[in-house]
Amino acid sequence: MILVTFRAVLDTTFFVLHYFSSDSETQSKSREILRLCRRLGNKGILPTIVLAEFYVQAAKRAGREEAKKLFNEMHNAGLDIVDMDVPIAERAAGLRHRYQEKVPWGDCIVAASGLNNKASIIISEDPHFDEIKEIKTRKLASIHL
């Protein structure tokens, strides 16, 4: 039996779909990915910038109180929360420079968080990640479980 480790960065758009999609297949797939991220040997990476970006999106969609509730749920979801430290800041700056400032800072920080934590993919709907060649990106719908 071959065990494959799953190391993924979960971007803001993943959580927007997870919490706000009305599509049952999308909800089922996002729950399964979260379950996989928590499995022993696997790693779901949650950069703190994703928490901040999601809070704003959730407040717009569902109000401040619901945003706080969902923020706390994400914070306590058993994922590896990654703060931006000096090595991540340096790598994010390198990515931002390499791609001639066409990739937003937040996306550079998310990508750098994944690279510095040896993630194999970023799960995101954001097309800016397609520019970053150092790490693979997959849309939720394209992941086959």
N, C-alpha and C. Protein backbone atom coordinates (compact mmCIF):
# COMPACT_ATOMS: atom_id res chain seq x y z
N MET A 1 0.85 -1.18 0.00
CA MET A 1 0.00 0.00 0.00
C MET A 1 0.89 1.24 0.00
N ILE A 2 0.66 2.14 -0.93
CA ILE A 2 1.44 3.37 -1.02
C ILE A 2 0.64 4.49 -0.37
N LEU A 3 1.27 5.17 0.60
CA LEU A 3 0.62 6.29 1.24
C LEU A 3 1.12 7.59 0.60
N VAL A 4 0.22 8.39 0.16
CA VAL A 4 0.56 9.67 -0.44
C VAL A 4 0.19 10.76 0.54
N THR A 5 1.15 11.63 0.83
CA THR A 5 0.83 12.73 1.74
C THR A 5 0.19 13.87 0.94
N PHE A 6 -0.68 14.54 1.59
CA PHE A 6 -1.44 15.63 1.00
C PHE A 6 -1.08 16.90 1.76
N ARG A 7 -0.41 17.83 1.10
CA ARG A 7 -0.01 19.10 1.71
C ARG A 7 -0.55 20.20 0.83
N ALA A 8 -1.57 20.89 1.30
CA ALA A 8 -2.23 21.90 0.48
C ALA A 8 -2.43 23.20 1.23
N VAL A 9 -2.25 24.29 0.52
CA VAL A 9 -2.61 25.61 1.03
C VAL A 9 -4.05 25.85 0.63
N LEU A 10 -4.86 26.26 1.58
CA LEU A 10 -6.26 26.56 1.30
C LEU A 10 -6.39 28.09 1.23
N ASP A 11 -6.73 28.56 0.04
CA ASP A 11 -6.82 30.01 -0.19
C ASP A 11 -8.21 30.52 0.18
N THR A 12 -8.34 31.82 0.19
CA THR A 12 -9.58 32.49 0.56
C THR A 12 -10.77 31.99 -0.25
N THR A 13 -10.58 31.84 -1.56
CA THR A 13 -11.70 31.41 -2.40
C THR A 13 -12.17 30.00 -2.06
N PHE A 14 -11.27 29.15 -1.56
CA PHE A 14 -11.68 27.82 -1.11
C PHE A 14 -12.72 27.95 -0.01
N PHE A 15 -12.43 28.80 0.97
CA PHE A 15 -13.34 28.96 2.11
C PHE A 15 -14.63 29.69 1.73
N VAL A 16 -14.56 30.60 0.78
CA VAL A 16 -15.77 31.25 0.30
C VAL A 16 -16.69 30.19 -0.32
N LEU A 17 -16.14 29.31 -1.13
CA LEU A 17 -16.95 28.23 -1.69
C LEU A 17 -17.43 27.27 -0.60
N HIS A 18 -16.55 26.93 0.32
CA HIS A 18 -16.89 25.99 1.39
C HIS A 18 -18.09 26.48 2.20
N TYR A 19 -18.08 27.75 2.55
CA TYR A 19 -19.13 28.28 3.42
C TYR A 19 -20.33 28.86 2.69
N PHE A 20 -20.15 29.32 1.46
CA PHE A 20 -21.24 30.06 0.82
C PHE A 20 -21.77 29.45 -0.47
N SER A 21 -21.17 28.38 -0.96
CA SER A 21 -21.69 27.77 -2.18
C SER A 21 -23.01 27.06 -1.88
N SER A 22 -23.94 27.17 -2.79
CA SER A 22 -25.21 26.46 -2.64
C SER A 22 -25.18 25.12 -3.38
N ASP A 23 -24.07 24.83 -4.05
CA ASP A 23 -23.92 23.59 -4.80
C ASP A 23 -23.49 22.46 -3.86
N SER A 24 -24.29 21.42 -3.78
CA SER A 24 -24.01 20.33 -2.83
C SER A 24 -22.72 19.58 -3.17
N GLU A 25 -22.40 19.45 -4.44
CA GLU A 25 -21.16 18.78 -4.84
C GLU A 25 -19.93 19.59 -4.38
N THR A 26 -20.00 20.90 -4.52
CA THR A 26 -18.91 21.77 -4.07
C THR A 26 -18.75 21.67 -2.57
N GLN A 27 -19.84 21.70 -1.84
CA GLN A 27 -19.78 21.60 -0.39
C GLN A 27 -19.22 20.24 0.04
N SER A 28 -19.64 19.20 -0.61
CA SER A 28 -19.15 17.85 -0.28
C SER A 28 -17.65 17.75 -0.54
N LYS A 29 -17.21 18.26 -1.66
CA LYS A 29 -15.79 18.19 -2.01
C LYS A 29 -14.95 19.02 -1.04
N SER A 30 -15.41 20.20 -0.68
CA SER A 30 -14.63 21.03 0.25
C SER A 30 -14.55 20.37 1.62
N ARG A 31 -15.63 19.74 2.08
CA ARG A 31 -15.59 19.02 3.35
C ARG A 31 -14.59 17.86 3.30
N GLU A 32 -14.57 17.15 2.18
CA GLU A 32 -13.64 16.03 2.02
C GLU A 32 -12.19 16.52 2.01
N ILE A 33 -11.93 17.64 1.37
CA ILE A 33 -10.56 18.19 1.37
C ILE A 33 -10.15 18.58 2.78
N LEU A 34 -11.04 19.21 3.51
CA LEU A 34 -10.72 19.55 4.91
C LEU A 34 -10.45 18.29 5.73
N ARG A 35 -11.23 17.26 5.50
CA ARG A 35 -11.01 15.99 6.20
C ARG A 35 -9.64 15.42 5.84
N LEU A 36 -9.28 15.44 4.56
CA LEU A 36 -7.96 14.96 4.13
C LEU A 36 -6.83 15.76 4.76
N CYS A 37 -7.03 17.06 4.86
CA CYS A 37 -6.00 17.94 5.44
C CYS A 37 -5.72 17.59 6.89
N ARG A 38 -6.72 17.09 7.59
CA ARG A 38 -6.57 16.77 9.02
C ARG A 38 -6.05 15.36 9.27
N ARG A 39 -6.03 14.54 8.22
CA ARG A 39 -5.60 13.15 8.38
C ARG A 39 -4.12 13.10 8.76
N LEU A 40 -3.76 12.17 9.60
CA LEU A 40 -2.38 12.02 10.07
C LEU A 40 -1.42 11.93 8.88
N GLY A 41 -0.39 12.73 8.91
CA GLY A 41 0.60 12.74 7.83
C GLY A 41 0.32 13.79 6.77
N ASN A 42 -0.89 14.29 6.74
CA ASN A 42 -1.26 15.33 5.78
C ASN A 42 -1.16 16.70 6.44
N LYS A 43 -1.30 17.72 5.62
CA LYS A 43 -1.20 19.06 6.17
C LYS A 43 -2.06 20.01 5.35
N GLY A 44 -2.95 20.70 6.03
CA GLY A 44 -3.71 21.78 5.43
C GLY A 44 -3.14 23.08 5.96
N ILE A 45 -2.68 23.93 5.08
CA ILE A 45 -2.00 25.16 5.47
C ILE A 45 -2.96 26.32 5.32
N LEU A 46 -3.10 27.09 6.39
CA LEU A 46 -3.99 28.23 6.42
C LEU A 46 -3.18 29.48 6.77
N PRO A 47 -2.74 30.24 5.75
CA PRO A 47 -2.01 31.48 6.03
C PRO A 47 -2.93 32.49 6.74
N THR A 48 -2.37 33.24 7.66
CA THR A 48 -3.19 34.21 8.40
C THR A 48 -3.81 35.25 7.48
N ILE A 49 -3.17 35.55 6.37
CA ILE A 49 -3.77 36.52 5.44
C ILE A 49 -5.08 35.97 4.87
N VAL A 50 -5.20 34.66 4.74
CA VAL A 50 -6.44 34.05 4.27
C VAL A 50 -7.54 34.27 5.30
N LEU A 51 -7.20 34.12 6.57
CA LEU A 51 -8.19 34.39 7.63
C LEU A 51 -8.70 35.83 7.51
N ALA A 52 -7.79 36.77 7.31
CA ALA A 52 -8.18 38.19 7.21
C ALA A 52 -9.02 38.45 5.97
N GLU A 53 -8.58 37.93 4.83
CA GLU A 53 -9.34 38.14 3.59
C GLU A 53 -10.72 37.51 3.67
N PHE A 54 -10.78 36.30 4.25
CA PHE A 54 -12.07 35.63 4.36
C PHE A 54 -13.03 36.39 5.27
N TYR A 55 -12.53 36.90 6.37
CA TYR A 55 -13.39 37.66 7.29
C TYR A 55 -14.11 38.79 6.55
N VAL A 56 -13.38 39.51 5.72
CA VAL A 56 -13.98 40.61 4.95
C VAL A 56 -15.06 40.08 4.01
N GLN A 57 -14.75 39.00 3.30
CA GLN A 57 -15.72 38.42 2.36
C GLN A 57 -16.96 37.91 3.10
N ALA A 58 -16.75 37.25 4.22
CA ALA A 58 -17.87 36.71 5.00
C ALA A 58 -18.74 37.84 5.56
N ALA A 59 -18.11 38.91 6.02
CA ALA A 59 -18.88 40.05 6.55
C ALA A 59 -19.73 40.68 5.46
N LYS A 60 -19.21 40.76 4.25
CA LYS A 60 -19.98 41.31 3.12
C LYS A 60 -21.19 40.43 2.80
N ARG A 61 -20.99 39.11 2.87
CA ARG A 61 -22.04 38.18 2.48
C ARG A 61 -23.04 37.90 3.60
N ALA A 62 -22.55 37.82 4.84
CA ALA A 62 -23.42 37.33 5.91
C ALA A 62 -23.46 38.21 7.15
N GLY A 63 -22.72 39.29 7.15
CA GLY A 63 -22.72 40.17 8.30
C GLY A 63 -21.56 39.89 9.24
N ARG A 64 -21.31 40.85 10.10
CA ARG A 64 -20.15 40.82 10.99
C ARG A 64 -20.18 39.66 11.99
N GLU A 65 -21.33 39.41 12.59
CA GLU A 65 -21.41 38.35 13.60
C GLU A 65 -21.15 36.98 12.98
N GLU A 66 -21.73 36.73 11.82
CA GLU A 66 -21.50 35.45 11.14
C GLU A 66 -20.03 35.35 10.71
N ALA A 67 -19.45 36.46 10.27
CA ALA A 67 -18.03 36.46 9.89
C ALA A 67 -17.16 36.07 11.08
N LYS A 68 -17.46 36.62 12.25
CA LYS A 68 -16.70 36.27 13.46
C LYS A 68 -16.83 34.78 13.77
N LYS A 69 -18.04 34.26 13.66
CA LYS A 69 -18.28 32.84 13.94
C LYS A 69 -17.48 31.95 12.97
N LEU A 70 -17.54 32.28 11.68
CA LEU A 70 -16.83 31.48 10.69
C LEU A 70 -15.32 31.62 10.84
N PHE A 71 -14.86 32.82 11.15
CA PHE A 71 -13.44 33.07 11.40
C PHE A 71 -12.95 32.16 12.53
N ASN A 72 -13.69 32.10 13.61
CA ASN A 72 -13.31 31.25 14.74
C ASN A 72 -13.36 29.77 14.38
N GLU A 73 -14.33 29.39 13.57
CA GLU A 73 -14.43 28.00 13.12
C GLU A 73 -13.20 27.62 12.29
N MET A 74 -12.80 28.52 11.38
CA MET A 74 -11.61 28.26 10.57
C MET A 74 -10.36 28.19 11.46
N HIS A 75 -10.27 29.11 12.39
CA HIS A 75 -9.12 29.18 13.28
C HIS A 75 -8.97 27.90 14.10
N ASN A 76 -10.07 27.26 14.42
CA ASN A 76 -10.06 26.05 15.24
C ASN A 76 -10.32 24.78 14.43
N ALA A 77 -10.07 24.82 13.13
CA ALA A 77 -10.40 23.70 12.25
C ALA A 77 -9.34 22.61 12.20
N GLY A 78 -8.27 22.75 12.95
CA GLY A 78 -7.23 21.72 12.92
C GLY A 78 -6.26 21.86 11.76
N LEU A 79 -6.23 23.03 11.15
CA LEU A 79 -5.29 23.29 10.06
C LEU A 79 -4.04 23.94 10.64
N ASP A 80 -2.95 23.91 9.88
CA ASP A 80 -1.71 24.56 10.32
C ASP A 80 -1.79 26.03 9.94
N ILE A 81 -1.97 26.87 10.93
CA ILE A 81 -2.05 28.31 10.70
C ILE A 81 -0.62 28.84 10.58
N VAL A 82 -0.36 29.53 9.49
CA VAL A 82 0.98 30.01 9.19
C VAL A 82 0.98 31.54 9.21
N ASP A 83 1.73 32.09 10.15
CA ASP A 83 1.91 33.54 10.21
C ASP A 83 2.98 33.96 9.21
N MET A 84 2.88 35.18 8.74
CA MET A 84 3.93 35.69 7.87
C MET A 84 5.13 36.04 8.74
N ASP A 85 6.24 35.37 8.47
CA ASP A 85 7.48 35.65 9.17
C ASP A 85 8.48 36.21 8.16
N VAL A 86 9.70 36.42 8.59
CA VAL A 86 10.70 37.02 7.71
C VAL A 86 10.98 36.15 6.48
N PRO A 87 11.18 34.82 6.61
CA PRO A 87 11.41 34.02 5.40
C PRO A 87 10.23 34.04 4.42
N ILE A 88 9.01 34.04 4.93
CA ILE A 88 7.84 34.12 4.03
C ILE A 88 7.78 35.50 3.38
N ALA A 89 8.04 36.55 4.15
CA ALA A 89 8.04 37.90 3.59
C ALA A 89 9.08 38.04 2.49
N GLU A 90 10.26 37.48 2.72
CA GLU A 90 11.32 37.56 1.71
C GLU A 90 10.93 36.80 0.45
N ARG A 91 10.37 35.61 0.62
CA ARG A 91 9.97 34.82 -0.55
C ARG A 91 8.81 35.48 -1.29
N ALA A 92 7.85 36.04 -0.54
CA ALA A 92 6.73 36.74 -1.17
C ALA A 92 7.23 37.94 -1.97
N ALA A 93 8.18 38.67 -1.41
CA ALA A 93 8.75 39.82 -2.13
C ALA A 93 9.46 39.36 -3.40
N GLY A 94 10.16 38.23 -3.31
CA GLY A 94 10.82 37.68 -4.50
C GLY A 94 9.82 37.31 -5.59
N LEU A 95 8.71 36.71 -5.18
CA LEU A 95 7.66 36.36 -6.15
C LEU A 95 7.04 37.61 -6.77
N ARG A 96 6.76 38.58 -5.92
CA ARG A 96 6.16 39.83 -6.40
C ARG A 96 7.08 40.51 -7.42
N HIS A 97 8.36 40.51 -7.14
CA HIS A 97 9.34 41.10 -8.06
C HIS A 97 9.45 40.26 -9.35
N ARG A 98 9.56 38.94 -9.19
CA ARG A 98 9.73 38.07 -10.35
C ARG A 98 8.58 38.22 -11.35
N TYR A 99 7.39 38.37 -10.84
CA TYR A 99 6.22 38.48 -11.72
C TYR A 99 5.83 39.94 -11.94
N GLN A 100 6.79 40.83 -11.79
CA GLN A 100 6.68 42.24 -12.14
C GLN A 100 5.45 42.92 -11.55
N GLU A 101 5.17 42.56 -10.30
CA GLU A 101 4.08 43.14 -9.52
C GLU A 101 2.69 42.89 -10.13
N LYS A 102 2.57 41.88 -11.00
CA LYS A 102 1.28 41.53 -11.60
C LYS A 102 0.46 40.62 -10.68
N VAL A 103 1.14 39.98 -9.73
CA VAL A 103 0.46 39.12 -8.76
C VAL A 103 0.29 39.93 -7.48
N PRO A 104 -0.93 40.05 -6.97
CA PRO A 104 -1.17 40.83 -5.75
C PRO A 104 -0.36 40.31 -4.56
N TRP A 105 -0.07 41.24 -3.64
CA TRP A 105 0.70 40.89 -2.45
C TRP A 105 0.10 39.71 -1.69
N GLY A 106 -1.20 39.73 -1.48
CA GLY A 106 -1.82 38.64 -0.72
C GLY A 106 -1.57 37.29 -1.34
N ASP A 107 -1.66 37.21 -2.66
CA ASP A 107 -1.42 35.95 -3.35
C ASP A 107 0.05 35.54 -3.26
N CYS A 108 0.95 36.52 -3.33
CA CYS A 108 2.38 36.22 -3.15
C CYS A 108 2.64 35.67 -1.75
N ILE A 109 1.98 36.22 -0.75
CA ILE A 109 2.16 35.74 0.63
C ILE A 109 1.59 34.33 0.78
N VAL A 110 0.44 34.07 0.18
CA VAL A 110 -0.16 32.73 0.24
C VAL A 110 0.77 31.73 -0.44
N ALA A 111 1.27 32.07 -1.63
CA ALA A 111 2.17 31.16 -2.35
C ALA A 111 3.45 30.93 -1.57
N ALA A 112 4.03 31.99 -1.02
CA ALA A 112 5.26 31.86 -0.23
C ALA A 112 5.03 31.00 1.00
N SER A 113 3.86 31.14 1.63
CA SER A 113 3.52 30.30 2.79
C SER A 113 3.51 28.83 2.39
N GLY A 114 2.94 28.54 1.23
CA GLY A 114 2.91 27.16 0.75
C GLY A 114 4.29 26.65 0.40
N LEU A 115 5.07 27.45 -0.32
CA LEU A 115 6.41 27.03 -0.70
C LEU A 115 7.29 26.78 0.52
N ASN A 116 7.23 27.66 1.49
CA ASN A 116 8.06 27.51 2.68
C ASN A 116 7.62 26.35 3.57
N ASN A 117 6.39 25.88 3.37
CA ASN A 117 5.87 24.75 4.14
C ASN A 117 5.72 23.49 3.29
N LYS A 118 6.39 23.49 2.14
CA LYS A 118 6.46 22.33 1.25
C LYS A 118 5.10 21.80 0.81
N ALA A 119 4.18 22.72 0.54
CA ALA A 119 2.87 22.32 0.03
C ALA A 119 3.01 21.85 -1.42
N SER A 120 2.19 20.91 -1.80
CA SER A 120 2.22 20.44 -3.19
C SER A 120 1.28 21.25 -4.07
N ILE A 121 0.22 21.82 -3.47
CA ILE A 121 -0.72 22.62 -4.26
C ILE A 121 -1.32 23.74 -3.41
N ILE A 122 -1.87 24.71 -4.13
CA ILE A 122 -2.74 25.72 -3.55
C ILE A 122 -4.12 25.45 -4.13
N ILE A 123 -5.12 25.39 -3.28
CA ILE A 123 -6.49 25.21 -3.77
C ILE A 123 -7.13 26.59 -3.77
N SER A 124 -7.42 27.07 -4.99
CA SER A 124 -7.93 28.43 -5.14
C SER A 124 -8.63 28.59 -6.49
N GLU A 125 -9.56 29.50 -6.51
CA GLU A 125 -10.23 29.87 -7.76
C GLU A 125 -9.58 31.12 -8.38
N ASP A 126 -8.63 31.70 -7.68
CA ASP A 126 -8.01 32.96 -8.08
C ASP A 126 -7.06 32.74 -9.26
N PRO A 127 -7.30 33.39 -10.39
CA PRO A 127 -6.46 33.19 -11.57
C PRO A 127 -5.03 33.74 -11.41
N HIS A 128 -4.78 34.60 -10.44
CA HIS A 128 -3.43 35.13 -10.25
C HIS A 128 -2.43 34.02 -9.93
N PHE A 129 -2.89 32.95 -9.28
CA PHE A 129 -1.98 31.87 -8.92
C PHE A 129 -1.47 31.12 -10.15
N ASP A 130 -2.20 31.20 -11.25
CA ASP A 130 -1.73 30.55 -12.49
C ASP A 130 -0.43 31.16 -12.98
N GLU A 131 -0.17 32.40 -12.62
CA GLU A 131 1.07 33.08 -13.01
C GLU A 131 2.28 32.51 -12.28
N ILE A 132 2.09 32.03 -11.08
CA ILE A 132 3.20 31.60 -10.23
C ILE A 132 3.59 30.17 -10.61
N LYS A 133 4.75 30.03 -11.20
CA LYS A 133 5.20 28.74 -11.73
C LYS A 133 5.84 27.85 -10.67
N GLU A 134 6.18 28.42 -9.52
CA GLU A 134 6.89 27.66 -8.49
C GLU A 134 6.00 26.68 -7.74
N ILE A 135 4.70 26.82 -7.84
CA ILE A 135 3.77 25.94 -7.11
C ILE A 135 2.53 25.70 -7.97
N LYS A 136 1.99 24.50 -7.86
CA LYS A 136 0.78 24.15 -8.63
C LYS A 136 -0.45 24.71 -7.94
N THR A 137 -1.43 25.06 -8.76
CA THR A 137 -2.72 25.53 -8.25
C THR A 137 -3.81 24.68 -8.87
N ARG A 138 -4.80 24.35 -8.07
CA ARG A 138 -5.96 23.60 -8.57
C ARG A 138 -7.23 24.28 -8.11
N LYS A 139 -8.18 24.34 -9.01
CA LYS A 139 -9.51 24.80 -8.65
C LYS A 139 -10.23 23.65 -7.96
N LEU A 140 -11.15 23.97 -7.07
CA LEU A 140 -11.85 22.94 -6.32
C LEU A 140 -12.50 21.92 -7.25
N ALA A 141 -13.14 22.39 -8.31
CA ALA A 141 -13.85 21.49 -9.23
C ALA A 141 -12.91 20.53 -9.95
N SER A 142 -11.63 20.90 -10.10
CA SER A 142 -10.71 20.06 -10.85
C SER A 142 -10.02 19.00 -9.99
N ILE A 143 -10.27 19.02 -8.70
CA ILE A 143 -9.66 18.03 -7.80
C ILE A 143 -10.51 16.78 -7.78
N HIS A 144 -9.86 15.66 -8.07
CA HIS A 144 -10.57 14.38 -8.06
C HIS A 144 -10.16 13.61 -6.81
N LEU A 145 -11.14 13.28 -6.00
CA LEU A 145 -10.88 12.58 -4.74
C LEU A 145 -11.24 11.12 -4.85
